[in-house]
PDB file of N, CA and C in Angstrom:
ATOM      1  N   MET A   1      89.698 102.195  71.939  1.00  0.00           N
ATOM      2  CA  MET A   1      88.736 102.157  73.016  1.00  0.00           C
ATOM      3  C   MET A   1      89.152 101.201  74.114  1.00  0.00           C
ATOM      4  N   GLU A   2      90.268 100.494  73.953  1.00  0.00           N
ATOM      5  CA  GLU A   2      90.663  99.513  74.969  1.00  0.00           C
ATOM      6  C   GLU A   2      90.754 100.159  76.342  1.00  0.00           C
ATOM      7  N   GLU A   3      91.326 101.369  76.392  1.00  0.00           N
ATOM      8  CA  GLU A   3      91.503 101.997  77.698  1.00  0.00           C
ATOM      9  C   GLU A   3      90.163 102.297  78.354  1.00  0.00           C
ATOM     10  N   VAL A   4      89.195 102.733  77.584  1.00  0.00           N
ATOM     11  CA  VAL A   4      87.905 103.096  78.149  1.00  0.00           C
ATOM     12  C   VAL A   4      87.173 101.867  78.664  1.00  0.00           C
ATOM     13  N   LEU A   5      87.217 100.792  77.926  1.00  0.00           N
ATOM     14  CA  LEU A   5      86.433  99.611  78.280  1.00  0.00           C
ATOM     15  C   LEU A   5      87.284  98.412  78.668  1.00  0.00           C
ATOM     16  N   GLY A   6      88.589  98.528  78.632  1.00  0.00           N
ATOM     17  CA  GLY A   6      89.445  97.373  78.850  1.00  0.00           C
ATOM     18  C   GLY A   6      90.162  97.363  80.170  1.00  0.00           C
ATOM     19  N   TRP A   7      91.442  97.568  80.142  1.00  0.00           N
ATOM     20  CA  TRP A   7      92.281  97.297  81.306  1.00  0.00           C
ATOM     21  C   TRP A   7      91.943  98.169  82.514  1.00  0.00           C
ATOM     22  N   VAL A   8      91.493  99.395  82.318  1.00  0.00           N
ATOM     23  CA  VAL A   8      91.185 100.247  83.473  1.00  0.00           C
ATOM     24  C   VAL A   8      90.075  99.620  84.303  1.00  0.00           C
ATOM     25  N   GLU A   9      89.107  99.002  83.640  1.00  0.00           N
ATOM     26  CA  GLU A   9      88.009  98.363  84.366  1.00  0.00           C
ATOM     27  C   GLU A   9      88.423  97.039  84.991  1.00  0.00           C
ATOM     28  N   ASN A  10      89.567  96.517  84.609  1.00  0.00           N
ATOM     29  CA  ASN A  10      90.022  95.231  85.123  1.00  0.00           C
ATOM     30  C   ASN A  10      91.009  95.368  86.281  1.00  0.00           C
ATOM     31  N   LEU A  11      91.112  96.533  86.864  1.00  0.00           N
ATOM     32  CA  LEU A  11      91.996  96.693  88.004  1.00  0.00           C
ATOM     33  C   LEU A  11      91.436  95.912  89.189  1.00  0.00           C
ATOM     34  N   PRO A  12      92.311  95.432  90.072  1.00  0.00           N
ATOM     35  CA  PRO A  12      91.858  94.588  91.182  1.00  0.00           C
ATOM     36  C   PRO A  12      91.280  95.376  92.364  1.00  0.00           C
ATOM     37  N   PHE A  13      90.715  96.527  92.095  1.00  0.00           N
ATOM     38  CA  PHE A  13      90.128  97.363  93.140  1.00  0.00           C
ATOM     39  C   PHE A  13      88.719  97.760  92.738  1.00  0.00           C
ATOM     40  N   PRO A  14      87.830  97.967  93.709  1.00  0.00           N
ATOM     41  CA  PRO A  14      86.470  98.381  93.363  1.00  0.00           C
ATOM     42  C   PRO A  14      86.442  99.813  92.811  1.00  0.00           C
ATOM     43  N   LEU A  15      85.689  99.994  91.749  1.00  0.00           N
ATOM     44  CA  LEU A  15      85.514 101.324  91.170  1.00  0.00           C
ATOM     45  C   LEU A  15      84.696 102.172  92.145  1.00  0.00           C
ATOM     46  N   PHE A  16      85.201 103.348  92.465  1.00  0.00           N
ATOM     47  CA  PHE A  16      84.504 104.266  93.359  1.00  0.00           C
ATOM     48  C   PHE A  16      83.697 105.280  92.549  1.00  0.00           C
ATOM     49  N   LYS A  17      84.346 105.870  91.547  1.00  0.00           N
ATOM     50  CA  LYS A  17      83.680 106.886  90.750  1.00  0.00           C
ATOM     51  C   LYS A  17      84.361 106.996  89.396  1.00  0.00           C
ATOM     52  N   ARG A  18      83.576 107.208  88.367  1.00  0.00           N
ATOM     53  CA  ARG A  18      84.119 107.395  87.017  1.00  0.00           C
ATOM     54  C   ARG A  18      83.765 108.792  86.556  1.00  0.00           C
ATOM     55  N   GLY A  19      84.797 109.541  86.169  1.00  0.00           N
ATOM     56  CA  GLY A  19      84.585 110.872  85.613  1.00  0.00           C
ATOM     57  C   GLY A  19      84.775 110.847  84.114  1.00  0.00           C
ATOM     58  N   LYS A  20      84.834 112.013  83.536  1.00  0.00           N
ATOM     59  CA  LYS A  20      85.020 112.085  82.085  1.00  0.00           C
ATOM     60  C   LYS A  20      86.435 111.669  81.702  1.00  0.00           C
ATOM     61  N   VAL A  21      87.403 112.005  82.536  1.00  0.00           N
ATOM     62  CA  VAL A  21      88.807 111.730  82.219  1.00  0.00           C
ATOM     63  C   VAL A  21      89.484 110.881  83.282  1.00  0.00           C
ATOM     64  N   ARG A  22      89.048 110.973  84.530  1.00  0.00           N
ATOM     65  CA  ARG A  22      89.685 110.250  85.627  1.00  0.00           C
ATOM     66  C   ARG A  22      88.744 109.207  86.214  1.00  0.00           C
ATOM     67  N   ASP A  23      89.339 108.086  86.634  1.00  0.00           N
ATOM     68  CA  ASP A  23      88.605 107.031  87.329  1.00  0.00           C
ATOM     69  C   ASP A  23      89.200 106.883  88.718  1.00  0.00           C
ATOM     70  N   LEU A  24      88.335 106.711  89.715  1.00  0.00           N
ATOM     71  CA  LEU A  24      88.772 106.547  91.102  1.00  0.00           C
ATOM     72  C   LEU A  24      88.414 105.150  91.581  1.00  0.00           C
ATOM     73  N   PHE A  25      89.397 104.505  92.222  1.00  0.00           N
ATOM     74  CA  PHE A  25      89.217 103.158  92.757  1.00  0.00           C
ATOM     75  C   PHE A  25      89.502 103.179  94.253  1.00  0.00           C
ATOM     76  N   ARG A  26      88.765 102.389  95.019  1.00  0.00           N
ATOM     77  CA  ARG A  26      88.985 102.275  96.469  1.00  0.00           C
ATOM     78  C   ARG A  26      90.259 101.482  96.727  1.00  0.00           C
ATOM     79  N   LEU A  27      91.051 101.974  97.688  1.00  0.00           N
ATOM     80  CA  LEU A  27      92.338 101.365  98.023  1.00  0.00           C
ATOM     81  C   LEU A  27      92.532 101.432  99.528  1.00  0.00           C
ATOM     82  N   ASP A  28      92.166 100.461 100.281  1.00  0.00           N
ATOM     83  CA  ASP A  28      92.475 100.416 101.718  1.00  0.00           C
ATOM     84  C   ASP A  28      92.374 101.769 102.418  1.00  0.00           C
ATOM     85  N   GLY A  29      91.232 102.425 102.356  1.00  0.00           N
ATOM     86  CA  GLY A  29      91.044 103.688 103.043  1.00  0.00           C
ATOM     87  C   GLY A  29      91.472 104.911 102.254  1.00  0.00           C
ATOM     88  N   GLU A  30      92.020 104.704 101.095  1.00  0.00           N
ATOM     89  CA  GLU A  30      92.423 105.807 100.233  1.00  0.00           C
ATOM     90  C   GLU A  30      91.836 105.554  98.848  1.00  0.00           C
ATOM     91  N   LEU A  31      92.224 106.394  97.906  1.00  0.00           N
ATOM     92  CA  LEU A  31      91.732 106.238  96.539  1.00  0.00           C
ATOM     93  C   LEU A  31      92.897 106.194  95.563  1.00  0.00           C
ATOM     94  N   LEU A  32      92.739 105.380  94.543  1.00  0.00           N
ATOM     95  CA  LEU A  32      93.671 105.356  93.417  1.00  0.00           C
ATOM     96  C   LEU A  32      93.020 106.172  92.322  1.00  0.00           C
ATOM     97  N   MET A  33      93.631 107.303  91.953  1.00  0.00           N
ATOM     98  CA  MET A  33      93.106 108.163  90.908  1.00  0.00           C
ATOM     99  C   MET A  33      93.890 107.882  89.627  1.00  0.00           C
ATOM    100  N   VAL A  34      93.194 107.382  88.601  1.00  0.00           N
ATOM    101  CA  VAL A  34      93.821 107.041  87.325  1.00  0.00           C
ATOM    102  C   VAL A  34      93.380 108.062  86.284  1.00  0.00           C
ATOM    103  N   THR A  35      94.340 108.736  85.666  1.00  0.00           N
ATOM    104  CA  THR A  35      94.050 109.706  84.618  1.00  0.00           C
ATOM    105  C   THR A  35      94.164 108.994  83.278  1.00  0.00           C
ATOM    106  N   THR A  36      93.056 108.931  82.552  1.00  0.00           N
ATOM    107  CA  THR A  36      92.985 108.171  81.304  1.00  0.00           C
ATOM    108  C   THR A  36      93.306 109.049  80.098  1.00  0.00           C
ATOM    109  N   ASP A  37      93.301 108.450  78.934  1.00  0.00           N
ATOM    110  CA  ASP A  37      93.520 109.161  77.674  1.00  0.00           C
ATOM    111  C   ASP A  37      92.208 109.599  77.030  1.00  0.00           C
ATOM    112  N   ARG A  38      91.107 109.459  77.766  1.00  0.00           N
ATOM    113  CA  ARG A  38      89.810 109.861  77.221  1.00  0.00           C
ATOM    114  C   ARG A  38      89.765 111.374  77.040  1.00  0.00           C
ATOM    115  N   ILE A  39      88.953 111.815  76.105  1.00  0.00           N
ATOM    116  CA  ILE A  39      88.722 113.243  75.926  1.00  0.00           C
ATOM    117  C   ILE A  39      87.221 113.500  75.979  1.00  0.00           C
ATOM    118  N   SER A  40      86.877 114.692  76.392  1.00  0.00           N
ATOM    119  CA  SER A  40      85.462 115.048  76.441  1.00  0.00           C
ATOM    120  C   SER A  40      85.301 116.461  75.905  1.00  0.00           C
ATOM    121  N   ALA A  41      84.133 116.694  75.359  1.00  0.00           N
ATOM    122  CA  ALA A  41      83.770 118.023  74.883  1.00  0.00           C
ATOM    123  C   ALA A  41      82.290 118.210  75.151  1.00  0.00           C
ATOM    124  N   PHE A  42      81.945 119.341  75.722  1.00  0.00           N
ATOM    125  CA  PHE A  42      80.547 119.638  76.022  1.00  0.00           C
ATOM    126  C   PHE A  42      79.912 118.516  76.836  1.00  0.00           C
ATOM    127  N   ASP A  43      80.644 118.028  77.842  1.00  0.00           N
ATOM    128  CA  ASP A  43      80.165 116.982  78.758  1.00  0.00           C
ATOM    129  C   ASP A  43      79.868 115.654  78.076  1.00  0.00           C
ATOM    130  N   VAL A  44      80.487 115.399  76.943  1.00  0.00           N
ATOM    131  CA  VAL A  44      80.353 114.120  76.244  1.00  0.00           C
ATOM    132  C   VAL A  44      81.741 113.503  76.124  1.00  0.00           C
ATOM    133  N   VAL A  45      81.876 112.241  76.528  1.00  0.00           N
ATOM    134  CA  VAL A  45      83.151 111.539  76.370  1.00  0.00           C
ATOM    135  C   VAL A  45      83.212 111.021  74.937  1.00  0.00           C
ATOM    136  N   LEU A  46      84.237 111.426  74.221  1.00  0.00           N
ATOM    137  CA  LEU A  46      84.386 111.048  72.816  1.00  0.00           C
ATOM    138  C   LEU A  46      85.036 109.677  72.699  1.00  0.00           C
ATOM    139  N   ARG A  47      84.782 109.014  71.590  1.00  0.00           N
ATOM    140  CA  ARG A  47      85.325 107.669  71.387  1.00  0.00           C
ATOM    141  C   ARG A  47      86.820 107.689  71.082  1.00  0.00           C
ATOM    142  N   THR A  48      87.316 108.783  70.564  1.00  0.00           N
ATOM    143  CA  THR A  48      88.725 108.897  70.211  1.00  0.00           C
ATOM    144  C   THR A  48      89.552 109.170  71.459  1.00  0.00           C
ATOM    145  N   LEU A  49      90.671 108.496  71.577  1.00  0.00           N
ATOM    146  CA  LEU A  49      91.603 108.732  72.682  1.00  0.00           C
ATOM    147  C   LEU A  49      92.776 109.556  72.191  1.00  0.00           C
ATOM    148  N   ILE A  50      93.429 110.251  73.094  1.00  0.00           N
ATOM    149  CA  ILE A  50      94.680 110.935  72.786  1.00  0.00           C
ATOM    150  C   ILE A  50      95.780 110.169  73.517  1.00  0.00           C
ATOM    151  N   PRO A  51      96.621 109.439  72.766  1.00  0.00           N
ATOM    152  CA  PRO A  51      97.655 108.621  73.415  1.00  0.00           C
ATOM    153  C   PRO A  51      98.549 109.447  74.345  1.00  0.00           C
ATOM    154  N   GLN A  52      98.769 108.947  75.541  1.00  0.00           N
ATOM    155  CA  GLN A  52      99.629 109.529  76.578  1.00  0.00           C
ATOM    156  C   GLN A  52      99.034 110.773  77.242  1.00  0.00           C
ATOM    157  N   LYS A  53      97.820 111.173  76.871  1.00  0.00           N
ATOM    158  CA  LYS A  53      97.195 112.347  77.480  1.00  0.00           C
ATOM    159  C   LYS A  53      97.093 112.192  78.994  1.00  0.00           C
ATOM    160  N   GLY A  54      96.740 110.998  79.462  1.00  0.00           N
ATOM    161  CA  GLY A  54      96.612 110.758  80.896  1.00  0.00           C
ATOM    162  C   GLY A  54      97.907 110.981  81.644  1.00  0.00           C
ATOM    163  N   ARG A  55      98.999 110.538  81.062  1.00  0.00           N
ATOM    164  CA  ARG A  55     100.300 110.726  81.710  1.00  0.00           C
ATOM    165  C   ARG A  55     100.670 112.206  81.793  1.00  0.00           C
ATOM    166  N   ILE A  56     100.377 112.944  80.731  1.00  0.00           N
ATOM    167  CA  ILE A  56     100.696 114.376  80.717  1.00  0.00           C
ATOM    168  C   ILE A  56      99.844 115.124  81.742  1.00  0.00           C
ATOM    169  N   LEU A  57      98.536 114.873  81.755  1.00  0.00           N
ATOM    170  CA  LEU A  57      97.660 115.529  82.729  1.00  0.00           C
ATOM    171  C   LEU A  57      98.046 115.181  84.162  1.00  0.00           C
ATOM    172  N   ASN A  58      98.360 113.913  84.392  1.00  0.00           N
ATOM    173  CA  ASN A  58      98.757 113.493  85.732  1.00  0.00           C
ATOM    174  C   ASN A  58     100.055 114.186  86.155  1.00  0.00           C
ATOM    175  N   GLY A  59     101.008 114.279  85.240  1.00  0.00           N
ATOM    176  CA  GLY A  59     102.270 114.948  85.543  1.00  0.00           C
ATOM    177  C   GLY A  59     102.088 116.420  85.859  1.00  0.00           C
ATOM    178  N   LEU A  60     101.214 117.093  85.105  1.00  0.00           N
ATOM    179  CA  LEU A  60     100.924 118.504  85.383  1.00  0.00           C
ATOM    180  C   LEU A  60     100.286 118.671  86.759  1.00  0.00           C
ATOM    181  N   SER A  61      99.334 117.806  87.068  1.00  0.00           N
ATOM    182  CA  SER A  61      98.675 117.883  88.377  1.00  0.00           C
ATOM    183  C   SER A  61      99.676 117.672  89.501  1.00  0.00           C
ATOM    184  N   LEU A  62     100.518 116.637  89.380  1.00  0.00           N
ATOM    185  CA  LEU A  62     101.513 116.366  90.422  1.00  0.00           C
ATOM    186  C   LEU A  62     102.471 117.537  90.597  1.00  0.00           C
ATOM    187  N   PHE A  63     102.905 118.122  89.482  1.00  0.00           N
ATOM    188  CA  PHE A  63     103.809 119.266  89.548  1.00  0.00           C
ATOM    189  C   PHE A  63     103.205 120.376  90.405  1.00  0.00           C
ATOM    190  N   TRP A  64     101.956 120.745  90.113  1.00  0.00           N
ATOM    191  CA  TRP A  64     101.337 121.853  90.833  1.00  0.00           C
ATOM    192  C   TRP A  64     100.987 121.496  92.266  1.00  0.00           C
ATOM    193  N   PHE A  65     100.560 120.261  92.520  1.00  0.00           N
ATOM    194  CA  PHE A  65     100.296 119.864  93.905  1.00  0.00           C
ATOM    195  C   PHE A  65     101.565 119.967  94.736  1.00  0.00           C
ATOM    196  N   LYS A  66     102.673 119.484  94.203  1.00  0.00           N
ATOM    197  CA  LYS A  66     103.937 119.530  94.943  1.00  0.00           C
ATOM    198  C   LYS A  66     104.448 120.968  95.079  1.00  0.00           C
ATOM    199  N   ARG A  67     104.305 121.736  94.032  1.00  0.00           N
ATOM    200  CA  ARG A  67     104.790 123.120  94.028  1.00  0.00           C
ATOM    201  C   ARG A  67     104.035 123.987  95.036  1.00  0.00           C
ATOM    202  N   MET A  68     102.757 123.709  95.231  1.00  0.00           N
ATOM    203  CA  MET A  68     101.913 124.550  96.063  1.00  0.00           C
ATOM    204  C   MET A  68     101.652 123.982  97.465  1.00  0.00           C
ATOM    205  N   GLU A  69     102.200 122.813  97.791  1.00  0.00           N
ATOM    206  CA  GLU A  69     101.848 122.172  99.062  1.00  0.00           C
ATOM    207  C   GLU A  69     102.252 122.979 100.293  1.00  0.00           C
ATOM    208  N   ASP A  70     103.217 123.865 100.175  1.00  0.00           N
ATOM    209  CA  ASP A  70     103.581 124.721 101.308  1.00  0.00           C
ATOM    210  C   ASP A  70     102.566 125.841 101.520  1.00  0.00           C
ATOM    211  N   ILE A  71     101.779 126.122 100.509  1.00  0.00           N
ATOM    212  CA  ILE A  71     100.798 127.207 100.576  1.00  0.00           C
ATOM    213  C   ILE A  71      99.434 126.685 101.024  1.00  0.00           C
ATOM    214  N   PHE A  72      99.036 125.534 100.485  1.00  0.00           N
ATOM    215  CA  PHE A  72      97.759 124.945 100.896  1.00  0.00           C
ATOM    216  C   PHE A  72      97.862 123.424 100.840  1.00  0.00           C
ATOM    217  N   PRO A  73      97.175 122.737 101.748  1.00  0.00           N
ATOM    218  CA  PRO A  73      97.252 121.267 101.777  1.00  0.00           C
ATOM    219  C   PRO A  73      96.531 120.660 100.573  1.00  0.00           C
ATOM    220  N   ASN A  74      96.936 119.449 100.223  1.00  0.00           N
ATOM    221  CA  ASN A  74      96.271 118.747  99.124  1.00  0.00           C
ATOM    222  C   ASN A  74      95.998 117.305  99.539  1.00  0.00           C
ATOM    223  N   HIS A  75      95.532 116.526  98.626  1.00  0.00           N
ATOM    224  CA  HIS A  75      95.084 115.165  98.921  1.00  0.00           C
ATOM    225  C   HIS A  75      96.122 114.086  98.612  1.00  0.00           C
ATOM    226  N   LEU A  76      97.327 114.457  98.215  1.00  0.00           N
ATOM    227  CA  LEU A  76      98.359 113.465  97.894  1.00  0.00           C
ATOM    228  C   LEU A  76      98.823 112.721  99.140  1.00  0.00           C
ATOM    229  N   THR A  77      99.094 111.426  98.980  1.00  0.00           N
ATOM    230  CA  THR A  77      99.617 110.639 100.094  1.00  0.00           C
ATOM    231  C   THR A  77     101.089 110.309  99.909  1.00  0.00           C
ATOM    232  N   TYR A  78     101.597 110.399  98.703  1.00  0.00           N
ATOM    233  CA  TYR A  78     102.976 110.037  98.352  1.00  0.00           C
ATOM    234  C   TYR A  78     103.261 108.559  98.578  1.00  0.00           C
ATOM    235  N   LYS A  79     102.236 107.735  98.610  1.00  0.00           N
ATOM    236  CA  LYS A  79     102.431 106.291  98.732  1.00  0.00           C
ATOM    237  C   LYS A  79     102.726 105.707  97.355  1.00  0.00           C
ATOM    238  N   GLU A  80     103.402 104.574  97.353  1.00  0.00           N
ATOM    239  CA  GLU A  80     103.814 103.935  96.101  1.00  0.00           C
ATOM    240  C   GLU A  80     102.789 102.905  95.654  1.00  0.00           C
ATOM    241  N   LEU A  81     102.534 102.878  94.371  1.00  0.00           N
ATOM    242  CA  LEU A  81     101.588 101.923  93.796  1.00  0.00           C
ATOM    243  C   LEU A  81     102.055 100.486  93.995  1.00  0.00           C
ATOM    244  N   GLU A  82     103.355 100.275  94.025  1.00  0.00           N
ATOM    245  CA  GLU A  82     103.913  98.934  94.208  1.00  0.00           C
ATOM    246  C   GLU A  82     103.540  98.320  95.554  1.00  0.00           C
ATOM    247  N   ASP A  83     103.131  99.148  96.512  1.00  0.00           N
ATOM    248  CA  ASP A  83     102.687  98.628  97.804  1.00  0.00           C
ATOM    249  C   ASP A  83     101.308  97.974  97.713  1.00  0.00           C
ATOM    250  N   TYR A  84     100.592  98.230  96.633  1.00  0.00           N
ATOM    251  CA  TYR A  84      99.233  97.721  96.474  1.00  0.00           C
ATOM    252  C   TYR A  84      99.086  96.728  95.322  1.00  0.00           C
ATOM    253  N   ILE A  85      99.962  96.812  94.324  1.00  0.00           N
ATOM    254  CA  ILE A  85      99.856  95.984  93.126  1.00  0.00           C
ATOM    255  C   ILE A  85     101.196  95.310  92.880  1.00  0.00           C
ATOM    256  N   ASP A  86     101.168  94.007  92.603  1.00  0.00           N
ATOM    257  CA  ASP A  86     102.418  93.321  92.262  1.00  0.00           C
ATOM    258  C   ASP A  86     102.415  92.800  90.831  1.00  0.00           C
ATOM    259  N   ASP A  87     101.369  93.063  90.080  1.00  0.00           N
ATOM    260  CA  ASP A  87     101.270  92.649  88.680  1.00  0.00           C
ATOM    261  C   ASP A  87     102.047  93.640  87.814  1.00  0.00           C
ATOM    262  N   GLU A  88     103.159  93.188  87.216  1.00  0.00           N
ATOM    263  CA  GLU A  88     104.044  94.064  86.447  1.00  0.00           C
ATOM    264  C   GLU A  88     103.347  94.685  85.236  1.00  0.00           C
ATOM    265  N   GLU A  89     102.437  93.949  84.608  1.00  0.00           N
ATOM    266  CA  GLU A  89     101.727  94.479  83.435  1.00  0.00           C
ATOM    267  C   GLU A  89     100.826  95.652  83.834  1.00  0.00           C
ATOM    268  N   ILE A  90     100.097  95.507  84.918  1.00  0.00           N
ATOM    269  CA  ILE A  90      99.225  96.593  85.391  1.00  0.00           C
ATOM    270  C   ILE A  90     100.075  97.774  85.850  1.00  0.00           C
ATOM    271  N   LEU A  91     101.166  97.510  86.564  1.00  0.00           N
ATOM    272  CA  LEU A  91     102.047  98.590  87.011  1.00  0.00           C
ATOM    273  C   LEU A  91     102.578  99.393  85.829  1.00  0.00           C
ATOM    274  N   ALA A  92     102.973  98.704  84.758  1.00  0.00           N
ATOM    275  CA  ALA A  92     103.497  99.393  83.576  1.00  0.00           C
ATOM    276  C   ALA A  92     102.432 100.278  82.940  1.00  0.00           C
ATOM    277  N   LYS A  93     101.196  99.812  82.895  1.00  0.00           N
ATOM    278  CA  LYS A  93     100.120 100.602  82.291  1.00  0.00           C
ATOM    279  C   LYS A  93      99.755 101.805  83.158  1.00  0.00           C
ATOM    280  N   LEU A  94      99.866 101.670  84.462  1.00  0.00           N
ATOM    281  CA  LEU A  94      99.505 102.758  85.365  1.00  0.00           C
ATOM    282  C   LEU A  94     100.639 103.756  85.593  1.00  0.00           C
ATOM    283  N   LYS A  95     101.861 103.368  85.278  1.00  0.00           N
ATOM    284  CA  LYS A  95     103.025 104.219  85.551  1.00  0.00           C
ATOM    285  C   LYS A  95     102.844 105.606  84.927  1.00  0.00           C
ATOM    286  N   GLY A  96     102.948 106.613  85.780  1.00  0.00           N
ATOM    287  CA  GLY A  96     102.867 107.985  85.322  1.00  0.00           C
ATOM    288  C   GLY A  96     101.462 108.515  85.126  1.00  0.00           C
ATOM    289  N   ARG A  97     100.451 107.667  85.311  1.00  0.00           N
ATOM    290  CA  ARG A  97      99.087 108.139  85.074  1.00  0.00           C
ATOM    291  C   ARG A  97      98.187 107.981  86.286  1.00  0.00           C
ATOM    292  N   CYS A  98      98.768 107.785  87.463  1.00  0.00           N
ATOM    293  CA  CYS A  98      97.920 107.647  88.641  1.00  0.00           C
ATOM    294  C   CYS A  98      98.599 108.231  89.868  1.00  0.00           C
ATOM    295  N   MET A  99      97.780 108.464  90.888  1.00  0.00           N
ATOM    296  CA  MET A  99      98.280 108.901  92.189  1.00  0.00           C
ATOM    297  C   MET A  99      97.371 108.323  93.264  1.00  0.00           C
ATOM    298  N   ILE A 100      97.956 108.056  94.407  1.00  0.00           N
ATOM    299  CA  ILE A 100      97.182 107.576  95.549  1.00  0.00           C
ATOM    300  C   ILE A 100      96.875 108.794  96.402  1.00  0.00           C
ATOM    301  N   VAL A 101      95.578 108.991  96.652  1.00  0.00           N
ATOM    302  CA  VAL A 101      95.127 110.208  97.322  1.00  0.00           C
ATOM    303  C   VAL A 101      94.225 109.898  98.499  1.00  0.00           C
ATOM    304  N   LYS A 102      94.098 110.861  99.399  1.00  0.00           N
ATOM    305  CA  LYS A 102      93.144 110.754 100.495  1.00  0.00           C
ATOM    306  C   LYS A 102      91.750 111.038  99.943  1.00  0.00           C
ATOM    307  N   GLU A 103      90.767 110.384 100.529  1.00  0.00           N
ATOM    308  CA  GLU A 103      89.396 110.698 100.127  1.00  0.00           C
ATOM    309  C   GLU A 103      88.981 111.996 100.804  1.00  0.00           C
ATOM    310  N   THR A 104      88.529 112.931 100.029  1.00  0.00           N
ATOM    311  CA  THR A 104      88.135 114.247 100.550  1.00  0.00           C
ATOM    312  C   THR A 104      86.769 114.630  99.987  1.00  0.00           C
ATOM    313  N   GLN A 105      86.225 115.699 100.483  1.00  0.00           N
ATOM    314  CA  GLN A 105      84.995 116.244  99.928  1.00  0.00           C
ATOM    315  C   GLN A 105      85.365 117.213  98.820  1.00  0.00           C
ATOM    316  N   PRO A 106      84.871 116.983  97.590  1.00  0.00           N
ATOM    317  CA  PRO A 106      85.203 117.921  96.508  1.00  0.00           C
ATOM    318  C   PRO A 106      84.541 119.280  96.720  1.00  0.00           C
ATOM    319  N   LEU A 107      85.218 120.298  96.240  1.00  0.00           N
ATOM    320  CA  LEU A 107      84.649 121.642  96.295  1.00  0.00           C
ATOM    321  C   LEU A 107      83.610 121.769  95.182  1.00  0.00           C
ATOM    322  N   PRO A 108      82.486 122.415  95.461  1.00  0.00           N
ATOM    323  CA  PRO A 108      81.472 122.570  94.407  1.00  0.00           C
ATOM    324  C   PRO A 108      81.936 123.537  93.325  1.00  0.00           C
TER     325      PRO A 108
END
């Protein structure tokens, strides 16, 4: 449960929104989207985590955003996390599980 209640909540940015699997933090006019290892079923977040699930989901999302960007625009900024965070421990935990995105209106 450390990820759910621990280091993700200790990031040096204000929490904007918490979803079942992803957490969004405010970042100088943009958002830091962190994909966690949490799992949910029937709109309930379960206590059990799936190790590395966040990295896999984030990688799949990035693949498709990049693959389809010539067809339709997306919210990726391609900015580097190192421009916002200099703490090596936090950078290591976030590596592969986050993206910096533009704030947009979600589709219903």
